[in-house]
Amino acid sequence: MSFISSLSARERGLLSAMGLLAILLMFYMLLWEPTQPRLNDLRERQLPQSEQTLAWVKQALANAENNSSVEVEKIIEGPLLTVIEQTAEKAKVRSAIQRMQPNQNQQVKIWMNEVEFDSWLRWVALLQQQNVEIDRASVATNTPGLVNVRMTVVRR
């Protein structure tokens, strides 16, 4: 005869309720409580910083779109790497390109360090005029106005 079967129905119900309460308490103490300081940090500090960065990016994009120095160019003939090189020279961002890696899908991965954000946006506009689009991009900033960019471009 087991311990549980020797208990009355009321005691078994109480034991089940206590077990459920213990499981909920363990969930709270082991999973919920440790995540709260990090969640509060995200809410109080990192979210406003992200919102400020987003506002800055939107403002810079609006400035770049309104900048009349971006002229419509004729389509550059030739390989995608040639288009990238020529437009980067024109936008004065070629020196910031650290590496370019083409792949079989007619895409080119580009790594750029410490490039002026406005110049990078002008270059993106030039690329778009050449039917070259950004497939993926990651933009990080350490210094105000300068960004590190990892992006993949593709000709459409």
N, C-alpha and C. Protein backbone atom coordinates (compact mmCIF):
# COMPACT_ATOMS: atom_id res chain seq x y z
N MET A 1 0.84 -1.17 0.00
CA MET A 1 0.00 0.00 0.00
C MET A 1 0.89 1.24 0.00
N SER A 2 0.63 2.15 -0.96
CA SER A 2 1.47 3.34 -1.05
C SER A 2 0.94 4.43 -0.13
N PHE A 3 1.83 5.41 0.06
CA PHE A 3 1.52 6.51 0.95
C PHE A 3 0.31 7.30 0.46
N ILE A 4 0.27 7.57 -0.84
CA ILE A 4 -0.81 8.39 -1.38
C ILE A 4 -2.15 7.67 -1.32
N SER A 5 -2.16 6.37 -1.57
CA SER A 5 -3.43 5.65 -1.54
C SER A 5 -3.97 5.51 -0.13
N SER A 6 -3.11 5.70 0.87
CA SER A 6 -3.58 5.61 2.25
C SER A 6 -4.21 6.92 2.72
N LEU A 7 -4.09 7.97 1.91
CA LEU A 7 -4.66 9.26 2.29
C LEU A 7 -6.13 9.34 1.88
N SER A 8 -6.88 10.18 2.57
CA SER A 8 -8.28 10.38 2.21
C SER A 8 -8.35 11.24 0.95
N ALA A 9 -9.50 11.28 0.33
CA ALA A 9 -9.69 12.05 -0.90
C ALA A 9 -9.40 13.53 -0.65
N ARG A 10 -9.79 14.03 0.47
CA ARG A 10 -9.53 15.43 0.80
C ARG A 10 -8.03 15.70 0.92
N GLU A 11 -7.31 14.78 1.58
CA GLU A 11 -5.86 14.95 1.74
C GLU A 11 -5.14 14.84 0.39
N ARG A 12 -5.61 13.91 -0.48
CA ARG A 12 -5.02 13.80 -1.82
C ARG A 12 -5.25 15.09 -2.63
N GLY A 13 -6.42 15.66 -2.53
CA GLY A 13 -6.72 16.93 -3.21
C GLY A 13 -5.83 18.05 -2.69
N LEU A 14 -5.66 18.10 -1.38
CA LEU A 14 -4.80 19.10 -0.78
C LEU A 14 -3.35 18.90 -1.22
N LEU A 15 -2.90 17.67 -1.28
CA LEU A 15 -1.54 17.35 -1.71
C LEU A 15 -1.34 17.75 -3.19
N SER A 16 -2.33 17.51 -4.03
CA SER A 16 -2.26 17.92 -5.44
C SER A 16 -2.20 19.43 -5.56
N ALA A 17 -3.02 20.12 -4.78
CA ALA A 17 -3.02 21.58 -4.82
C ALA A 17 -1.67 22.12 -4.35
N MET A 18 -1.10 21.52 -3.32
CA MET A 18 0.22 21.95 -2.83
C MET A 18 1.30 21.68 -3.89
N GLY A 19 1.21 20.57 -4.58
CA GLY A 19 2.17 20.26 -5.64
C GLY A 19 2.08 21.27 -6.77
N LEU A 20 0.86 21.61 -7.17
CA LEU A 20 0.66 22.62 -8.22
C LEU A 20 1.20 23.97 -7.78
N LEU A 21 0.95 24.32 -6.53
CA LEU A 21 1.46 25.57 -5.99
C LEU A 21 2.99 25.57 -5.97
N ALA A 22 3.58 24.44 -5.62
CA ALA A 22 5.05 24.35 -5.60
C ALA A 22 5.62 24.50 -7.01
N ILE A 23 4.97 23.91 -8.01
CA ILE A 23 5.42 24.03 -9.40
C ILE A 23 5.33 25.49 -9.85
N LEU A 24 4.22 26.16 -9.55
CA LEU A 24 4.07 27.57 -9.91
C LEU A 24 5.11 28.44 -9.21
N LEU A 25 5.38 28.16 -7.95
CA LEU A 25 6.37 28.92 -7.20
C LEU A 25 7.77 28.71 -7.80
N MET A 26 8.09 27.47 -8.19
CA MET A 26 9.39 27.19 -8.80
C MET A 26 9.50 27.91 -10.15
N PHE A 27 8.43 27.90 -10.94
CA PHE A 27 8.43 28.62 -12.21
C PHE A 27 8.72 30.10 -11.98
N TYR A 28 8.04 30.68 -10.99
CA TYR A 28 8.22 32.10 -10.70
C TYR A 28 9.65 32.38 -10.26
N MET A 29 10.18 31.59 -9.36
CA MET A 29 11.49 31.87 -8.79
C MET A 29 12.64 31.54 -9.75
N LEU A 30 12.48 30.50 -10.57
CA LEU A 30 13.57 30.09 -11.45
C LEU A 30 13.53 30.74 -12.82
N LEU A 31 12.35 31.07 -13.32
CA LEU A 31 12.25 31.61 -14.67
C LEU A 31 11.81 33.06 -14.71
N TRP A 32 10.76 33.39 -14.03
CA TRP A 32 10.17 34.73 -14.14
C TRP A 32 11.01 35.78 -13.42
N GLU A 33 11.30 35.59 -12.18
CA GLU A 33 12.00 36.57 -11.37
C GLU A 33 13.38 36.94 -11.93
N PRO A 34 14.20 36.00 -12.37
CA PRO A 34 15.53 36.38 -12.90
C PRO A 34 15.46 37.22 -14.18
N THR A 35 14.39 37.12 -14.95
CA THR A 35 14.30 37.88 -16.19
C THR A 35 13.82 39.31 -15.99
N GLN A 36 13.24 39.62 -14.87
CA GLN A 36 12.65 40.93 -14.66
C GLN A 36 13.67 42.07 -14.65
N PRO A 37 14.84 41.95 -14.01
CA PRO A 37 15.80 43.08 -14.09
C PRO A 37 16.23 43.38 -15.52
N ARG A 38 16.47 42.36 -16.32
CA ARG A 38 16.88 42.57 -17.72
C ARG A 38 15.73 43.21 -18.50
N LEU A 39 14.51 42.76 -18.28
CA LEU A 39 13.36 43.33 -18.96
C LEU A 39 13.17 44.79 -18.58
N ASN A 40 13.34 45.11 -17.31
CA ASN A 40 13.24 46.50 -16.86
C ASN A 40 14.33 47.35 -17.48
N ASP A 41 15.54 46.80 -17.59
CA ASP A 41 16.65 47.51 -18.23
C ASP A 41 16.32 47.80 -19.68
N LEU A 42 15.76 46.82 -20.38
CA LEU A 42 15.37 47.03 -21.78
C LEU A 42 14.33 48.13 -21.90
N ARG A 43 13.34 48.12 -21.01
CA ARG A 43 12.28 49.12 -21.06
C ARG A 43 12.80 50.51 -20.74
N GLU A 44 13.63 50.62 -19.72
CA GLU A 44 14.03 51.93 -19.22
C GLU A 44 15.19 52.55 -19.98
N ARG A 45 16.12 51.73 -20.49
CA ARG A 45 17.33 52.31 -21.06
C ARG A 45 17.48 52.01 -22.54
N GLN A 46 17.36 50.76 -22.92
CA GLN A 46 17.68 50.40 -24.29
C GLN A 46 16.58 50.76 -25.28
N LEU A 47 15.33 50.67 -24.90
CA LEU A 47 14.24 51.03 -25.81
C LEU A 47 14.29 52.51 -26.19
N PRO A 48 14.45 53.43 -25.23
CA PRO A 48 14.57 54.84 -25.64
C PRO A 48 15.79 55.10 -26.53
N GLN A 49 16.91 54.41 -26.28
CA GLN A 49 18.08 54.57 -27.13
C GLN A 49 17.78 54.10 -28.55
N SER A 50 17.08 52.98 -28.67
CA SER A 50 16.72 52.47 -29.99
C SER A 50 15.77 53.43 -30.70
N GLU A 51 14.84 53.99 -29.96
CA GLU A 51 13.91 54.95 -30.55
C GLU A 51 14.64 56.20 -31.01
N GLN A 52 15.63 56.65 -30.25
CA GLN A 52 16.42 57.82 -30.65
C GLN A 52 17.21 57.51 -31.91
N THR A 53 17.81 56.32 -31.97
CA THR A 53 18.57 55.92 -33.16
C THR A 53 17.65 55.85 -34.37
N LEU A 54 16.47 55.28 -34.21
CA LEU A 54 15.51 55.20 -35.31
C LEU A 54 15.11 56.60 -35.79
N ALA A 55 14.87 57.51 -34.87
CA ALA A 55 14.52 58.88 -35.25
C ALA A 55 15.67 59.53 -36.01
N TRP A 56 16.90 59.29 -35.56
CA TRP A 56 18.07 59.84 -36.24
C TRP A 56 18.21 59.29 -37.65
N VAL A 57 17.99 57.97 -37.80
CA VAL A 57 18.08 57.34 -39.12
C VAL A 57 17.00 57.90 -40.04
N LYS A 58 15.78 58.07 -39.54
CA LYS A 58 14.70 58.61 -40.36
C LYS A 58 15.01 60.04 -40.80
N GLN A 59 15.55 60.83 -39.88
CA GLN A 59 15.90 62.21 -40.21
C GLN A 59 17.02 62.24 -41.25
N ALA A 60 18.02 61.42 -41.07
CA ALA A 60 19.14 61.38 -42.02
C ALA A 60 18.66 60.90 -43.40
N LEU A 61 17.76 59.93 -43.41
CA LEU A 61 17.22 59.44 -44.68
C LEU A 61 16.42 60.54 -45.37
N ALA A 62 15.63 61.28 -44.60
CA ALA A 62 14.87 62.39 -45.19
C ALA A 62 15.81 63.46 -45.74
N ASN A 63 16.89 63.74 -45.01
CA ASN A 63 17.87 64.71 -45.49
C ASN A 63 18.54 64.23 -46.77
N ALA A 64 18.86 62.95 -46.81
CA ALA A 64 19.52 62.40 -48.00
C ALA A 64 18.58 62.41 -49.20
N GLU A 65 17.30 62.13 -48.97
CA GLU A 65 16.33 62.13 -50.06
C GLU A 65 16.11 63.54 -50.59
N ASN A 66 16.19 64.53 -49.70
CA ASN A 66 16.00 65.91 -50.11
C ASN A 66 17.25 66.54 -50.70
N ASN A 67 18.36 65.85 -50.55
CA ASN A 67 19.64 66.39 -51.04
C ASN A 67 19.64 66.35 -52.57
N SER A 68 19.82 67.49 -53.17
CA SER A 68 19.76 67.57 -54.63
C SER A 68 21.05 67.10 -55.30
N SER A 69 22.08 66.74 -54.50
CA SER A 69 23.34 66.31 -55.11
C SER A 69 23.26 64.91 -55.69
N VAL A 70 22.22 64.17 -55.38
CA VAL A 70 22.06 62.84 -55.96
C VAL A 70 21.37 63.00 -57.31
N GLU A 71 22.10 62.78 -58.35
CA GLU A 71 21.56 62.95 -59.69
C GLU A 71 21.23 61.59 -60.28
N VAL A 72 20.25 61.59 -61.16
CA VAL A 72 19.91 60.35 -61.84
C VAL A 72 21.00 60.06 -62.86
N GLU A 73 21.54 58.88 -62.77
CA GLU A 73 22.64 58.46 -63.64
C GLU A 73 22.12 57.44 -64.64
N LYS A 74 22.83 57.33 -65.76
CA LYS A 74 22.50 56.26 -66.69
C LYS A 74 22.96 54.93 -66.09
N ILE A 75 22.35 53.87 -66.53
CA ILE A 75 22.67 52.55 -66.02
C ILE A 75 24.08 52.17 -66.46
N ILE A 76 24.90 51.75 -65.47
CA ILE A 76 26.26 51.32 -65.75
C ILE A 76 26.21 49.88 -66.25
N GLU A 77 26.80 49.67 -67.40
CA GLU A 77 26.85 48.32 -67.96
C GLU A 77 28.00 47.55 -67.30
N GLY A 78 27.86 46.24 -67.25
CA GLY A 78 28.94 45.42 -66.75
C GLY A 78 28.56 44.67 -65.49
N PRO A 79 29.54 43.98 -64.92
CA PRO A 79 29.29 43.16 -63.73
C PRO A 79 28.88 44.00 -62.53
N LEU A 80 28.24 43.34 -61.60
CA LEU A 80 27.76 43.99 -60.38
C LEU A 80 28.92 44.62 -59.60
N LEU A 81 30.08 43.95 -59.56
CA LEU A 81 31.23 44.52 -58.85
C LEU A 81 31.67 45.84 -59.47
N THR A 82 31.57 45.96 -60.78
CA THR A 82 31.92 47.21 -61.46
C THR A 82 30.97 48.32 -61.05
N VAL A 83 29.69 48.01 -61.01
CA VAL A 83 28.69 49.00 -60.58
C VAL A 83 28.97 49.44 -59.15
N ILE A 84 29.27 48.48 -58.29
CA ILE A 84 29.55 48.81 -56.88
C ILE A 84 30.77 49.72 -56.79
N GLU A 85 31.83 49.35 -57.48
CA GLU A 85 33.07 50.15 -57.44
C GLU A 85 32.83 51.58 -57.94
N GLN A 86 32.18 51.71 -59.10
CA GLN A 86 32.00 53.04 -59.69
C GLN A 86 31.08 53.92 -58.85
N THR A 87 30.00 53.35 -58.35
CA THR A 87 29.09 54.16 -57.53
C THR A 87 29.72 54.50 -56.19
N ALA A 88 30.51 53.60 -55.63
CA ALA A 88 31.19 53.88 -54.36
C ALA A 88 32.20 55.01 -54.53
N GLU A 89 32.90 55.02 -55.66
CA GLU A 89 33.83 56.12 -55.94
C GLU A 89 33.07 57.44 -56.05
N LYS A 90 31.95 57.41 -56.76
CA LYS A 90 31.17 58.63 -56.98
C LYS A 90 30.61 59.17 -55.65
N ALA A 91 30.19 58.26 -54.77
CA ALA A 91 29.63 58.67 -53.48
C ALA A 91 30.72 58.91 -52.43
N LYS A 92 31.97 58.69 -52.80
CA LYS A 92 33.12 58.90 -51.91
C LYS A 92 33.06 58.01 -50.66
N VAL A 93 32.66 56.74 -50.87
CA VAL A 93 32.65 55.78 -49.78
C VAL A 93 33.57 54.58 -50.07
N ARG A 94 34.27 54.62 -51.19
CA ARG A 94 35.10 53.47 -51.58
C ARG A 94 36.16 53.15 -50.52
N SER A 95 36.73 54.17 -49.89
CA SER A 95 37.78 53.92 -48.89
C SER A 95 37.24 53.21 -47.64
N ALA A 96 35.94 53.30 -47.40
CA ALA A 96 35.35 52.64 -46.23
C ALA A 96 35.06 51.17 -46.47
N ILE A 97 35.06 50.75 -47.74
CA ILE A 97 34.77 49.35 -48.05
C ILE A 97 36.00 48.52 -47.68
N GLN A 98 35.80 47.61 -46.73
CA GLN A 98 36.90 46.76 -46.28
C GLN A 98 36.99 45.46 -47.08
N ARG A 99 35.81 44.98 -47.50
CA ARG A 99 35.79 43.68 -48.18
C ARG A 99 34.52 43.57 -49.01
N MET A 100 34.65 42.91 -50.18
CA MET A 100 33.50 42.58 -51.02
C MET A 100 33.64 41.11 -51.39
N GLN A 101 32.53 40.38 -51.28
CA GLN A 101 32.57 38.95 -51.56
C GLN A 101 31.37 38.57 -52.43
N PRO A 102 31.60 38.30 -53.73
CA PRO A 102 30.49 37.86 -54.58
C PRO A 102 30.15 36.40 -54.29
N ASN A 103 28.89 36.03 -54.57
CA ASN A 103 28.51 34.62 -54.46
C ASN A 103 27.76 34.18 -55.71
N GLN A 104 27.36 32.94 -55.76
CA GLN A 104 26.75 32.37 -56.96
C GLN A 104 25.36 32.92 -57.25
N ASN A 105 24.72 33.54 -56.30
CA ASN A 105 23.35 34.03 -56.48
C ASN A 105 23.30 35.45 -57.03
N GLN A 106 24.37 35.89 -57.70
CA GLN A 106 24.46 37.25 -58.24
C GLN A 106 24.30 38.29 -57.14
N GLN A 107 24.80 37.95 -55.95
CA GLN A 107 24.79 38.87 -54.83
C GLN A 107 26.23 39.17 -54.44
N VAL A 108 26.42 40.30 -53.78
CA VAL A 108 27.74 40.67 -53.27
C VAL A 108 27.58 41.10 -51.82
N LYS A 109 28.37 40.49 -50.95
CA LYS A 109 28.41 40.90 -49.55
C LYS A 109 29.47 41.98 -49.41
N ILE A 110 29.12 43.04 -48.68
CA ILE A 110 30.02 44.19 -48.53
C ILE A 110 30.17 44.50 -47.05
N TRP A 111 31.42 44.70 -46.63
CA TRP A 111 31.74 45.10 -45.27
C TRP A 111 32.33 46.51 -45.33
N MET A 112 31.76 47.42 -44.57
CA MET A 112 32.24 48.81 -44.53
C MET A 112 32.46 49.21 -43.07
N ASN A 113 33.56 49.95 -42.83
CA ASN A 113 33.84 50.43 -41.47
C ASN A 113 33.99 51.95 -41.48
N GLU A 114 33.41 52.55 -40.44
CA GLU A 114 33.57 53.99 -40.21
C GLU A 114 33.25 54.83 -41.45
N VAL A 115 32.06 54.61 -42.00
CA VAL A 115 31.61 55.40 -43.14
C VAL A 115 30.59 56.42 -42.65
N GLU A 116 30.63 57.63 -43.20
CA GLU A 116 29.64 58.64 -42.83
C GLU A 116 28.26 58.14 -43.25
N PHE A 117 27.33 58.24 -42.33
CA PHE A 117 25.99 57.71 -42.58
C PHE A 117 25.34 58.38 -43.78
N ASP A 118 25.45 59.70 -43.88
CA ASP A 118 24.84 60.41 -45.00
C ASP A 118 25.46 59.98 -46.33
N SER A 119 26.78 59.80 -46.34
CA SER A 119 27.45 59.35 -47.57
C SER A 119 27.00 57.95 -47.94
N TRP A 120 26.85 57.10 -46.93
CA TRP A 120 26.38 55.73 -47.20
C TRP A 120 24.97 55.77 -47.80
N LEU A 121 24.10 56.62 -47.27
CA LEU A 121 22.74 56.73 -47.81
C LEU A 121 22.75 57.24 -49.26
N ARG A 122 23.63 58.21 -49.56
CA ARG A 122 23.75 58.69 -50.94
C ARG A 122 24.22 57.56 -51.85
N TRP A 123 25.13 56.73 -51.36
CA TRP A 123 25.61 55.61 -52.15
C TRP A 123 24.49 54.60 -52.40
N VAL A 124 23.69 54.34 -51.38
CA VAL A 124 22.55 53.42 -51.54
C VAL A 124 21.60 53.97 -52.60
N ALA A 125 21.37 55.28 -52.60
CA ALA A 125 20.50 55.88 -53.61
C ALA A 125 21.10 55.70 -55.01
N LEU A 126 22.42 55.88 -55.14
CA LEU A 126 23.08 55.65 -56.44
C LEU A 126 22.95 54.20 -56.88
N LEU A 127 23.11 53.28 -55.93
CA LEU A 127 22.96 51.86 -56.26
C LEU A 127 21.54 51.56 -56.74
N GLN A 128 20.56 52.15 -56.08
CA GLN A 128 19.17 51.93 -56.47
C GLN A 128 18.91 52.45 -57.88
N GLN A 129 19.55 53.56 -58.25
CA GLN A 129 19.41 54.08 -59.61
C GLN A 129 19.99 53.11 -60.64
N GLN A 130 20.91 52.27 -60.20
CA GLN A 130 21.53 51.28 -61.08
C GLN A 130 20.83 49.92 -60.98
N ASN A 131 19.64 49.90 -60.41
CA ASN A 131 18.86 48.68 -60.21
C ASN A 131 19.57 47.69 -59.30
N VAL A 132 20.32 48.19 -58.35
CA VAL A 132 20.98 47.37 -57.34
C VAL A 132 20.29 47.66 -56.02
N GLU A 133 19.83 46.61 -55.37
CA GLU A 133 19.09 46.77 -54.13
C GLU A 133 19.79 46.07 -52.99
N ILE A 134 19.54 46.57 -51.79
CA ILE A 134 20.06 45.92 -50.60
C ILE A 134 19.14 44.76 -50.25
N ASP A 135 19.70 43.57 -50.19
CA ASP A 135 18.94 42.39 -49.81
C ASP A 135 18.89 42.25 -48.29
N ARG A 136 20.03 42.45 -47.65
CA ARG A 136 20.13 42.41 -46.19
C ARG A 136 21.14 43.47 -45.77
N ALA A 137 20.91 44.05 -44.58
CA ALA A 137 21.88 45.03 -44.08
C ALA A 137 21.85 45.05 -42.56
N SER A 138 23.02 45.29 -42.01
CA SER A 138 23.18 45.49 -40.58
C SER A 138 24.01 46.76 -40.42
N VAL A 139 23.46 47.72 -39.69
CA VAL A 139 24.14 49.00 -39.50
C VAL A 139 24.34 49.21 -38.01
N ALA A 140 25.59 49.47 -37.61
CA ALA A 140 25.90 49.72 -36.20
C ALA A 140 26.72 51.00 -36.12
N THR A 141 26.56 51.70 -35.00
CA THR A 141 27.30 52.94 -34.82
C THR A 141 28.06 52.92 -33.51
N ASN A 142 29.30 53.38 -33.54
CA ASN A 142 30.10 53.56 -32.33
C ASN A 142 30.42 55.04 -32.14
N THR A 143 30.57 55.74 -33.24
CA THR A 143 30.90 57.15 -33.24
C THR A 143 29.74 57.91 -33.89
N PRO A 144 29.29 59.00 -33.30
CA PRO A 144 28.18 59.74 -33.92
C PRO A 144 28.49 60.13 -35.36
N GLY A 145 27.56 59.82 -36.24
CA GLY A 145 27.70 60.16 -37.65
C GLY A 145 28.40 59.11 -38.49
N LEU A 146 29.13 58.20 -37.85
CA LEU A 146 29.83 57.14 -38.57
C LEU A 146 29.20 55.79 -38.25
N VAL A 147 29.12 54.94 -39.26
CA VAL A 147 28.50 53.63 -39.07
C VAL A 147 29.40 52.54 -39.64
N ASN A 148 29.20 51.35 -39.11
CA ASN A 148 29.80 50.14 -39.66
C ASN A 148 28.65 49.38 -40.32
N VAL A 149 28.86 48.98 -41.57
CA VAL A 149 27.77 48.38 -42.35
C VAL A 149 28.21 47.01 -42.84
N ARG A 150 27.32 46.05 -42.70
CA ARG A 150 27.46 44.73 -43.32
C ARG A 150 26.19 44.56 -44.15
N MET A 151 26.37 44.42 -45.47
CA MET A 151 25.17 44.34 -46.31
C MET A 151 25.40 43.40 -47.47
N THR A 152 24.29 42.92 -48.01
CA THR A 152 24.30 42.09 -49.20
C THR A 152 23.47 42.83 -50.24
N VAL A 153 24.05 43.04 -51.42
CA VAL A 153 23.33 43.72 -52.51
C VAL A 153 23.12 42.75 -53.66
N VAL A 154 22.08 43.03 -54.44
CA VAL A 154 21.73 42.19 -55.57
C VAL A 154 21.22 43.09 -56.70
N ARG A 155 21.53 42.73 -57.90
CA ARG A 155 21.04 43.49 -59.06
C ARG A 155 19.67 42.94 -59.44
N ARG A 156 18.70 43.81 -59.59
CA ARG A 156 17.33 43.40 -59.96
C ARG A 156 17.11 43.54 -61.43
